[in-house]
Amino acid sequence: MIKLRLKRYGKKREASYRIIAIHSLARRDGRPLEELGFYNPRTDEVRLDVPGIVKRLQQGAQPTDTVRRILEKANVFEQVSATSAS
């Protein structure tokens, strides 16, 4: 199964994360199938590759709880339902 989850980057106590598509059994910082975005919790900066995320979600990828909250704030799930209805 493919998961959309966070991959940790940065120094100690200054973490930032990349949103990646990866096999569910792979380790947290393992090699991703695709990098789909960036999240910095200290500044709440979020950059997303929305078309890539929508494509992965339509293929059946499951987001983790944290990634799901980030995507809900960016209204990505509305775009998934809009493209699948067309």
N, C-alpha and C. Protein backbone atom coordinates (compact mmCIF):
# COMPACT_ATOMS: atom_id res chain seq x y z
N MET A 1 0.84 -1.18 0.00
CA MET A 1 0.00 0.00 0.00
C MET A 1 0.89 1.25 0.00
N ILE A 2 0.46 2.26 -0.70
CA ILE A 2 1.18 3.53 -0.77
C ILE A 2 0.61 4.47 0.29
N LYS A 3 1.50 5.14 1.02
CA LYS A 3 1.09 6.11 2.04
C LYS A 3 1.63 7.48 1.66
N LEU A 4 0.88 8.51 2.02
CA LEU A 4 1.37 9.88 1.95
C LEU A 4 1.75 10.24 3.38
N ARG A 5 3.03 10.48 3.61
CA ARG A 5 3.47 10.77 4.97
C ARG A 5 4.61 11.77 4.97
N LEU A 6 5.06 12.12 6.18
CA LEU A 6 6.10 13.14 6.33
C LEU A 6 7.48 12.49 6.43
N LYS A 7 8.46 13.16 5.83
CA LYS A 7 9.85 12.76 5.91
C LYS A 7 10.61 13.91 6.57
N ARG A 8 11.31 13.64 7.64
CA ARG A 8 11.93 14.68 8.45
C ARG A 8 13.23 15.20 7.83
N TYR A 9 13.38 16.52 7.88
CA TYR A 9 14.61 17.19 7.44
C TYR A 9 14.98 18.24 8.48
N GLY A 10 16.20 18.73 8.43
CA GLY A 10 16.60 19.85 9.26
C GLY A 10 17.42 19.45 10.46
N LYS A 11 17.85 20.48 11.20
CA LYS A 11 18.68 20.29 12.38
C LYS A 11 17.84 19.86 13.58
N LYS A 12 18.52 19.49 14.65
CA LYS A 12 17.83 19.19 15.90
C LYS A 12 17.01 20.39 16.33
N ARG A 13 15.80 20.14 16.77
CA ARG A 13 14.87 21.16 17.25
C ARG A 13 14.50 22.19 16.19
N GLU A 14 14.87 21.97 14.95
CA GLU A 14 14.49 22.85 13.85
C GLU A 14 14.01 22.01 12.67
N ALA A 15 13.15 21.08 12.97
CA ALA A 15 12.71 20.13 11.95
C ALA A 15 11.78 20.79 10.94
N SER A 16 11.89 20.34 9.73
CA SER A 16 10.91 20.63 8.69
C SER A 16 10.68 19.30 7.98
N TYR A 17 9.63 19.22 7.22
CA TYR A 17 9.22 17.94 6.66
C TYR A 17 8.89 18.06 5.19
N ARG A 18 9.07 16.96 4.47
CA ARG A 18 8.61 16.86 3.10
C ARG A 18 7.47 15.87 3.08
N ILE A 19 6.45 16.16 2.32
CA ILE A 19 5.33 15.24 2.15
C ILE A 19 5.68 14.34 0.98
N ILE A 20 5.69 13.03 1.24
CA ILE A 20 6.16 12.08 0.24
C ILE A 20 5.15 10.95 0.05
N ALA A 21 5.22 10.31 -1.10
CA ALA A 21 4.50 9.05 -1.35
C ALA A 21 5.54 7.94 -1.21
N ILE A 22 5.21 6.95 -0.37
CA ILE A 22 6.17 5.88 -0.06
C ILE A 22 5.40 4.62 0.27
N HIS A 23 6.03 3.46 0.10
CA HIS A 23 5.41 2.20 0.50
C HIS A 23 5.21 2.21 2.01
N SER A 24 4.12 1.65 2.47
CA SER A 24 3.77 1.73 3.89
C SER A 24 4.75 0.98 4.79
N LEU A 25 5.46 0.00 4.27
CA LEU A 25 6.39 -0.77 5.09
C LEU A 25 7.80 -0.20 5.09
N ALA A 26 8.06 0.84 4.32
CA ALA A 26 9.39 1.45 4.26
C ALA A 26 9.64 2.31 5.49
N ARG A 27 10.89 2.53 5.82
CA ARG A 27 11.23 3.34 6.99
C ARG A 27 10.88 4.81 6.76
N ARG A 28 10.81 5.57 7.85
CA ARG A 28 10.32 6.95 7.78
C ARG A 28 11.15 7.81 6.82
N ASP A 29 12.45 7.71 6.89
CA ASP A 29 13.30 8.54 6.04
C ASP A 29 13.87 7.76 4.85
N GLY A 30 13.18 6.72 4.45
CA GLY A 30 13.61 5.92 3.31
C GLY A 30 13.41 6.65 1.99
N ARG A 31 13.78 5.98 0.92
CA ARG A 31 13.67 6.57 -0.41
C ARG A 31 12.21 6.65 -0.84
N PRO A 32 11.71 7.86 -1.14
CA PRO A 32 10.30 7.99 -1.52
C PRO A 32 10.07 7.63 -2.98
N LEU A 33 8.83 7.30 -3.29
CA LEU A 33 8.43 7.12 -4.68
C LEU A 33 8.34 8.48 -5.36
N GLU A 34 7.87 9.48 -4.60
CA GLU A 34 7.68 10.82 -5.15
C GLU A 34 7.59 11.82 -4.01
N GLU A 35 8.21 13.00 -4.18
CA GLU A 35 8.08 14.09 -3.21
C GLU A 35 6.95 15.00 -3.68
N LEU A 36 6.00 15.26 -2.78
CA LEU A 36 4.78 15.95 -3.19
C LEU A 36 4.57 17.28 -2.48
N GLY A 37 5.45 17.65 -1.57
CA GLY A 37 5.23 18.92 -0.90
C GLY A 37 6.22 19.13 0.23
N PHE A 38 6.02 20.24 0.94
CA PHE A 38 6.91 20.67 2.00
C PHE A 38 6.06 21.24 3.13
N TYR A 39 6.45 20.98 4.38
CA TYR A 39 5.73 21.50 5.54
C TYR A 39 6.74 21.92 6.61
N ASN A 40 6.62 23.16 7.06
CA ASN A 40 7.47 23.67 8.14
C ASN A 40 6.56 24.04 9.32
N PRO A 41 6.55 23.23 10.38
CA PRO A 41 5.65 23.49 11.50
C PRO A 41 6.00 24.74 12.30
N ARG A 42 7.24 25.20 12.23
CA ARG A 42 7.64 26.38 13.01
C ARG A 42 7.05 27.66 12.42
N THR A 43 6.94 27.73 11.09
CA THR A 43 6.40 28.92 10.44
C THR A 43 5.05 28.65 9.79
N ASP A 44 4.57 27.42 9.89
CA ASP A 44 3.33 26.98 9.24
C ASP A 44 3.36 27.20 7.73
N GLU A 45 4.54 27.10 7.14
CA GLU A 45 4.69 27.22 5.69
C GLU A 45 4.36 25.87 5.06
N VAL A 46 3.51 25.89 4.04
CA VAL A 46 3.12 24.67 3.34
C VAL A 46 3.21 24.94 1.84
N ARG A 47 3.93 24.06 1.13
CA ARG A 47 3.97 24.10 -0.33
C ARG A 47 3.57 22.71 -0.82
N LEU A 48 2.58 22.65 -1.69
CA LEU A 48 2.06 21.36 -2.15
C LEU A 48 2.07 21.25 -3.67
N ASP A 49 2.37 20.06 -4.16
CA ASP A 49 2.20 19.73 -5.57
C ASP A 49 0.80 19.12 -5.70
N VAL A 50 -0.20 19.99 -5.79
CA VAL A 50 -1.60 19.55 -5.72
C VAL A 50 -1.95 18.53 -6.82
N PRO A 51 -1.57 18.76 -8.09
CA PRO A 51 -1.91 17.74 -9.10
C PRO A 51 -1.29 16.37 -8.80
N GLY A 52 -0.07 16.36 -8.30
CA GLY A 52 0.57 15.09 -7.94
C GLY A 52 -0.11 14.41 -6.78
N ILE A 53 -0.54 15.18 -5.78
CA ILE A 53 -1.23 14.62 -4.62
C ILE A 53 -2.59 14.07 -5.04
N VAL A 54 -3.31 14.82 -5.86
CA VAL A 54 -4.62 14.36 -6.34
C VAL A 54 -4.47 13.05 -7.12
N LYS A 55 -3.44 12.97 -7.95
CA LYS A 55 -3.19 11.75 -8.73
C LYS A 55 -2.94 10.56 -7.81
N ARG A 56 -2.11 10.76 -6.79
CA ARG A 56 -1.80 9.66 -5.85
C ARG A 56 -3.02 9.24 -5.05
N LEU A 57 -3.84 10.21 -4.62
CA LEU A 57 -5.04 9.88 -3.85
C LEU A 57 -6.04 9.10 -4.71
N GLN A 58 -6.15 9.45 -5.99
CA GLN A 58 -7.05 8.73 -6.89
C GLN A 58 -6.55 7.31 -7.15
N GLN A 59 -5.24 7.11 -7.05
CA GLN A 59 -4.67 5.77 -7.23
C GLN A 59 -4.81 4.93 -5.97
N GLY A 60 -5.30 5.52 -4.87
CA GLY A 60 -5.54 4.75 -3.65
C GLY A 60 -4.56 4.98 -2.53
N ALA A 61 -3.71 5.98 -2.63
CA ALA A 61 -2.76 6.27 -1.55
C ALA A 61 -3.51 6.74 -0.31
N GLN A 62 -3.04 6.33 0.87
CA GLN A 62 -3.68 6.69 2.13
C GLN A 62 -2.81 7.69 2.87
N PRO A 63 -3.32 8.89 3.19
CA PRO A 63 -2.53 9.86 3.96
C PRO A 63 -2.53 9.51 5.45
N THR A 64 -1.45 9.83 6.14
CA THR A 64 -1.42 9.69 7.59
C THR A 64 -2.29 10.79 8.18
N ASP A 65 -2.56 10.72 9.48
CA ASP A 65 -3.44 11.69 10.13
C ASP A 65 -2.92 13.12 9.98
N THR A 66 -1.61 13.31 10.19
CA THR A 66 -1.03 14.65 10.09
C THR A 66 -1.10 15.19 8.67
N VAL A 67 -0.77 14.36 7.70
CA VAL A 67 -0.83 14.78 6.30
C VAL A 67 -2.27 15.06 5.91
N ARG A 68 -3.22 14.25 6.42
CA ARG A 68 -4.63 14.48 6.12
C ARG A 68 -5.06 15.87 6.59
N ARG A 69 -4.64 16.28 7.80
CA ARG A 69 -4.99 17.62 8.31
C ARG A 69 -4.39 18.72 7.45
N ILE A 70 -3.16 18.53 7.00
CA ILE A 70 -2.51 19.53 6.14
C ILE A 70 -3.28 19.65 4.82
N LEU A 71 -3.67 18.52 4.24
CA LEU A 71 -4.39 18.52 2.97
C LEU A 71 -5.80 19.09 3.12
N GLU A 72 -6.44 18.84 4.27
CA GLU A 72 -7.78 19.41 4.50
C GLU A 72 -7.72 20.93 4.59
N LYS A 73 -6.68 21.46 5.22
CA LYS A 73 -6.52 22.92 5.30
C LYS A 73 -6.34 23.53 3.93
N ALA A 74 -5.69 22.79 3.03
CA ALA A 74 -5.43 23.29 1.68
C ALA A 74 -6.56 22.93 0.70
N ASN A 75 -7.64 22.33 1.19
CA ASN A 75 -8.81 21.95 0.38
C ASN A 75 -8.45 21.01 -0.78
N VAL A 76 -7.52 20.11 -0.57
CA VAL A 76 -7.11 19.18 -1.63
C VAL A 76 -8.18 18.11 -1.86
N PHE A 77 -8.87 17.68 -0.81
CA PHE A 77 -9.86 16.62 -0.95
C PHE A 77 -11.05 17.06 -1.79
N GLU A 78 -11.35 18.36 -1.78
CA GLU A 78 -12.42 18.87 -2.64
C GLU A 78 -12.05 18.71 -4.11
N GLN A 79 -10.77 18.91 -4.42
CA GLN A 79 -10.32 18.75 -5.81
C GLN A 79 -10.34 17.29 -6.23
N VAL A 80 -10.07 16.38 -5.28
CA VAL A 80 -10.10 14.95 -5.60
C VAL A 80 -11.52 14.54 -5.96
N SER A 81 -12.50 14.97 -5.16
CA SER A 81 -13.88 14.60 -5.44
C SER A 81 -14.40 15.28 -6.71
N ALA A 82 -13.92 16.50 -6.99
CA ALA A 82 -14.36 17.21 -8.19
C ALA A 82 -13.83 16.53 -9.46
N THR A 83 -12.57 16.06 -9.43
CA THR A 83 -12.01 15.42 -10.62
C THR A 83 -12.54 14.03 -10.80
N SER A 84 -12.88 13.34 -9.71
CA SER A 84 -13.41 11.98 -9.87
C SER A 84 -14.86 12.00 -10.32
N ALA A 85 -15.58 13.10 -10.03
CA ALA A 85 -16.98 13.22 -10.46
C ALA A 85 -17.09 13.55 -11.94
N SER A 86 -16.04 14.14 -12.50
CA SER A 86 -16.08 14.53 -13.93
C SER A 86 -16.03 13.36 -14.85
